[in-house]
Amino acid sequence: MNDVVAPGEYIKEEMAARGWSQADLAEILGRPLSSVSRIITGKHRITPYTAQGLAAAFGTSAMYWLSLDNAYRLWKARNERR
């Protein structure tokens, strides 16, 4: 896995496609703006609860978001160990 992309990059792409700001997504998810910002910057994991909200907002599955986050965290852990 050489080119692992943080889930926040996919979230930014989805928001841009819809013309949404972080504040818009925070409102849609019912989460504080700071939480959405931390998820987008990779400072906070995507929880199952958040994955369900992202799935509903973007028409995907919750498993999609959890899988992206887990792959990113695993890649990050491997690279930090080196």
N, C-alpha and C. Protein backbone atom coordinates (compact mmCIF):
# COMPACT_ATOMS: atom_id res chain seq x y z
N MET A 1 0.85 -1.18 0.00
CA MET A 1 0.00 0.00 0.00
C MET A 1 0.89 1.23 0.00
N ASN A 2 1.22 1.74 -1.14
CA ASN A 2 2.09 2.89 -1.21
C ASN A 2 1.32 4.21 -1.22
N ASP A 3 0.20 4.25 -1.86
CA ASP A 3 -0.54 5.48 -2.03
C ASP A 3 -1.85 5.46 -1.27
N VAL A 4 -1.78 5.43 0.04
CA VAL A 4 -2.97 5.44 0.87
C VAL A 4 -3.37 6.89 1.09
N VAL A 5 -4.62 7.17 0.87
CA VAL A 5 -5.13 8.53 1.01
C VAL A 5 -5.98 8.60 2.27
N ALA A 6 -5.80 9.66 3.02
CA ALA A 6 -6.59 9.86 4.23
C ALA A 6 -8.06 10.00 3.87
N PRO A 7 -8.95 9.45 4.68
CA PRO A 7 -10.38 9.55 4.40
C PRO A 7 -10.86 11.00 4.23
N GLY A 8 -10.19 11.91 4.93
CA GLY A 8 -10.56 13.32 4.81
C GLY A 8 -10.46 13.85 3.40
N GLU A 9 -9.54 13.30 2.61
CA GLU A 9 -9.41 13.72 1.22
C GLU A 9 -10.66 13.33 0.42
N TYR A 10 -11.15 12.13 0.69
CA TYR A 10 -12.38 11.69 0.02
C TYR A 10 -13.57 12.53 0.48
N ILE A 11 -13.60 12.85 1.75
CA ILE A 11 -14.69 13.68 2.27
C ILE A 11 -14.65 15.05 1.61
N LYS A 12 -13.46 15.63 1.47
CA LYS A 12 -13.35 16.95 0.82
C LYS A 12 -13.84 16.88 -0.63
N GLU A 13 -13.49 15.80 -1.32
CA GLU A 13 -13.95 15.63 -2.70
C GLU A 13 -15.47 15.55 -2.78
N GLU A 14 -16.05 14.77 -1.87
CA GLU A 14 -17.51 14.63 -1.85
C GLU A 14 -18.18 15.96 -1.51
N MET A 15 -17.60 16.70 -0.57
CA MET A 15 -18.17 18.00 -0.21
C MET A 15 -18.09 18.96 -1.40
N ALA A 16 -16.94 18.98 -2.07
CA ALA A 16 -16.76 19.87 -3.21
C ALA A 16 -17.75 19.55 -4.33
N ALA A 17 -17.97 18.26 -4.56
CA ALA A 17 -18.91 17.85 -5.61
C ALA A 17 -20.33 18.35 -5.33
N ARG A 18 -20.63 18.55 -4.06
CA ARG A 18 -21.96 18.99 -3.66
C ARG A 18 -22.01 20.47 -3.32
N GLY A 19 -20.87 21.12 -3.34
CA GLY A 19 -20.81 22.53 -3.00
C GLY A 19 -21.01 22.79 -1.51
N TRP A 20 -20.62 21.82 -0.68
CA TRP A 20 -20.80 21.93 0.76
C TRP A 20 -19.54 22.44 1.43
N SER A 21 -19.71 23.19 2.47
CA SER A 21 -18.60 23.60 3.33
C SER A 21 -18.52 22.61 4.49
N GLN A 22 -17.47 22.76 5.29
CA GLN A 22 -17.37 21.93 6.49
C GLN A 22 -18.54 22.21 7.42
N ALA A 23 -18.96 23.47 7.48
CA ALA A 23 -20.10 23.83 8.33
C ALA A 23 -21.37 23.15 7.84
N ASP A 24 -21.53 23.05 6.51
CA ASP A 24 -22.70 22.35 5.96
C ASP A 24 -22.69 20.89 6.38
N LEU A 25 -21.54 20.25 6.23
CA LEU A 25 -21.45 18.83 6.58
C LEU A 25 -21.68 18.64 8.08
N ALA A 26 -21.12 19.53 8.89
CA ALA A 26 -21.32 19.43 10.34
C ALA A 26 -22.81 19.49 10.68
N GLU A 27 -23.52 20.38 10.01
CA GLU A 27 -24.97 20.50 10.26
C GLU A 27 -25.70 19.23 9.81
N ILE A 28 -25.33 18.71 8.66
CA ILE A 28 -25.96 17.50 8.13
C ILE A 28 -25.72 16.32 9.08
N LEU A 29 -24.50 16.23 9.59
CA LEU A 29 -24.15 15.13 10.49
C LEU A 29 -24.63 15.35 11.92
N GLY A 30 -25.00 16.58 12.24
CA GLY A 30 -25.38 16.89 13.61
C GLY A 30 -24.20 16.84 14.55
N ARG A 31 -23.05 17.23 14.04
CA ARG A 31 -21.80 17.19 14.80
C ARG A 31 -21.21 18.59 14.86
N PRO A 32 -20.39 18.86 15.86
CA PRO A 32 -19.72 20.17 15.93
C PRO A 32 -18.76 20.34 14.75
N LEU A 33 -18.61 21.57 14.31
CA LEU A 33 -17.70 21.88 13.22
C LEU A 33 -16.28 21.41 13.54
N SER A 34 -15.88 21.57 14.79
CA SER A 34 -14.53 21.15 15.18
C SER A 34 -14.32 19.65 14.98
N SER A 35 -15.35 18.86 15.23
CA SER A 35 -15.25 17.40 15.03
C SER A 35 -15.08 17.07 13.55
N VAL A 36 -15.86 17.73 12.72
CA VAL A 36 -15.75 17.50 11.27
C VAL A 36 -14.38 17.92 10.78
N SER A 37 -13.88 19.03 11.26
CA SER A 37 -12.56 19.50 10.86
C SER A 37 -11.47 18.50 11.27
N ARG A 38 -11.56 17.95 12.47
CA ARG A 38 -10.56 16.97 12.94
C ARG A 38 -10.63 15.68 12.12
N ILE A 39 -11.81 15.29 11.70
CA ILE A 39 -11.95 14.09 10.85
C ILE A 39 -11.31 14.36 9.49
N ILE A 40 -11.59 15.51 8.93
CA ILE A 40 -11.07 15.85 7.60
C ILE A 40 -9.55 15.95 7.60
N THR A 41 -8.98 16.46 8.68
CA THR A 41 -7.52 16.60 8.77
C THR A 41 -6.84 15.32 9.25
N GLY A 42 -7.61 14.28 9.55
CA GLY A 42 -7.05 13.01 9.96
C GLY A 42 -6.64 12.96 11.42
N LYS A 43 -7.05 13.94 12.19
CA LYS A 43 -6.69 13.97 13.61
C LYS A 43 -7.67 13.18 14.47
N HIS A 44 -8.79 12.79 13.89
CA HIS A 44 -9.80 12.04 14.62
C HIS A 44 -10.28 10.88 13.76
N ARG A 45 -10.41 9.73 14.36
CA ARG A 45 -10.89 8.54 13.65
C ARG A 45 -12.34 8.71 13.19
N ILE A 46 -12.70 7.94 12.21
CA ILE A 46 -14.10 7.85 11.81
C ILE A 46 -14.71 6.73 12.64
N THR A 47 -15.63 7.09 13.49
CA THR A 47 -16.31 6.11 14.35
C THR A 47 -17.46 5.47 13.56
N PRO A 48 -17.98 4.35 14.05
CA PRO A 48 -19.14 3.76 13.39
C PRO A 48 -20.31 4.75 13.29
N TYR A 49 -20.50 5.55 14.33
CA TYR A 49 -21.58 6.55 14.33
C TYR A 49 -21.36 7.57 13.21
N THR A 50 -20.15 8.08 13.10
CA THR A 50 -19.83 9.05 12.05
C THR A 50 -19.91 8.40 10.68
N ALA A 51 -19.46 7.16 10.57
CA ALA A 51 -19.52 6.45 9.29
C ALA A 51 -20.95 6.33 8.80
N GLN A 52 -21.88 6.09 9.71
CA GLN A 52 -23.29 6.01 9.33
C GLN A 52 -23.78 7.36 8.80
N GLY A 53 -23.37 8.43 9.45
CA GLY A 53 -23.77 9.77 8.99
C GLY A 53 -23.17 10.10 7.64
N LEU A 54 -21.89 9.78 7.45
CA LEU A 54 -21.25 10.04 6.16
C LEU A 54 -21.91 9.22 5.06
N ALA A 55 -22.24 7.98 5.37
CA ALA A 55 -22.91 7.12 4.39
C ALA A 55 -24.24 7.71 3.96
N ALA A 56 -25.02 8.19 4.91
CA ALA A 56 -26.31 8.80 4.58
C ALA A 56 -26.13 10.09 3.79
N ALA A 57 -25.13 10.88 4.17
CA ALA A 57 -24.90 12.17 3.50
C ALA A 57 -24.42 11.99 2.07
N PHE A 58 -23.57 11.00 1.84
CA PHE A 58 -22.94 10.86 0.54
C PHE A 58 -23.45 9.70 -0.30
N GLY A 59 -24.42 8.95 0.21
CA GLY A 59 -24.99 7.85 -0.57
C GLY A 59 -24.03 6.69 -0.72
N THR A 60 -23.26 6.42 0.32
CA THR A 60 -22.33 5.30 0.30
C THR A 60 -22.72 4.36 1.44
N SER A 61 -21.80 3.48 1.80
CA SER A 61 -22.06 2.61 2.95
C SER A 61 -21.18 3.05 4.12
N ALA A 62 -21.62 2.73 5.31
CA ALA A 62 -20.81 3.01 6.49
C ALA A 62 -19.51 2.21 6.44
N MET A 63 -19.59 1.00 5.93
CA MET A 63 -18.39 0.16 5.84
C MET A 63 -17.34 0.80 4.94
N TYR A 64 -17.76 1.50 3.91
CA TYR A 64 -16.81 2.20 3.03
C TYR A 64 -15.94 3.16 3.84
N TRP A 65 -16.57 3.96 4.69
CA TRP A 65 -15.84 4.96 5.47
C TRP A 65 -14.98 4.31 6.55
N LEU A 66 -15.50 3.28 7.18
CA LEU A 66 -14.71 2.58 8.19
C LEU A 66 -13.50 1.89 7.56
N SER A 67 -13.69 1.32 6.40
CA SER A 67 -12.59 0.64 5.71
C SER A 67 -11.51 1.64 5.29
N LEU A 68 -11.93 2.79 4.75
CA LEU A 68 -10.96 3.82 4.38
C LEU A 68 -10.15 4.25 5.60
N ASP A 69 -10.84 4.49 6.69
CA ASP A 69 -10.16 4.96 7.89
C ASP A 69 -9.22 3.89 8.44
N ASN A 70 -9.67 2.66 8.49
CA ASN A 70 -8.81 1.59 9.00
C ASN A 70 -7.58 1.38 8.13
N ALA A 71 -7.75 1.43 6.82
CA ALA A 71 -6.61 1.28 5.91
C ALA A 71 -5.61 2.41 6.11
N TYR A 72 -6.11 3.62 6.28
CA TYR A 72 -5.25 4.77 6.50
C TYR A 72 -4.51 4.66 7.83
N ARG A 73 -5.21 4.28 8.88
CA ARG A 73 -4.58 4.17 10.21
C ARG A 73 -3.52 3.06 10.22
N LEU A 74 -3.80 1.96 9.55
CA LEU A 74 -2.82 0.87 9.48
C LEU A 74 -1.59 1.32 8.71
N TRP A 75 -1.77 1.96 7.58
CA TRP A 75 -0.66 2.47 6.79
C TRP A 75 0.17 3.46 7.61
N LYS A 76 -0.50 4.34 8.32
CA LYS A 76 0.17 5.34 9.14
C LYS A 76 0.99 4.68 10.25
N ALA A 77 0.42 3.69 10.90
CA ALA A 77 1.12 2.98 11.97
C ALA A 77 2.36 2.27 11.43
N ARG A 78 2.23 1.66 10.27
CA ARG A 78 3.39 0.97 9.68
C ARG A 78 4.50 1.95 9.37
N ASN A 79 4.15 3.13 8.86
CA ASN A 79 5.16 4.11 8.48
C ASN A 79 5.75 4.82 9.68
N GLU A 80 5.02 4.93 10.76
CA GLU A 80 5.56 5.55 11.97
C GLU A 80 6.56 4.61 12.65
N ARG A 81 6.38 3.34 12.45
CA ARG A 81 7.24 2.34 13.07
C ARG A 81 8.62 2.28 12.42
N ARG A 82 8.71 2.74 11.19
CA ARG A 82 9.98 2.66 10.43
C ARG A 82 10.97 3.67 10.90
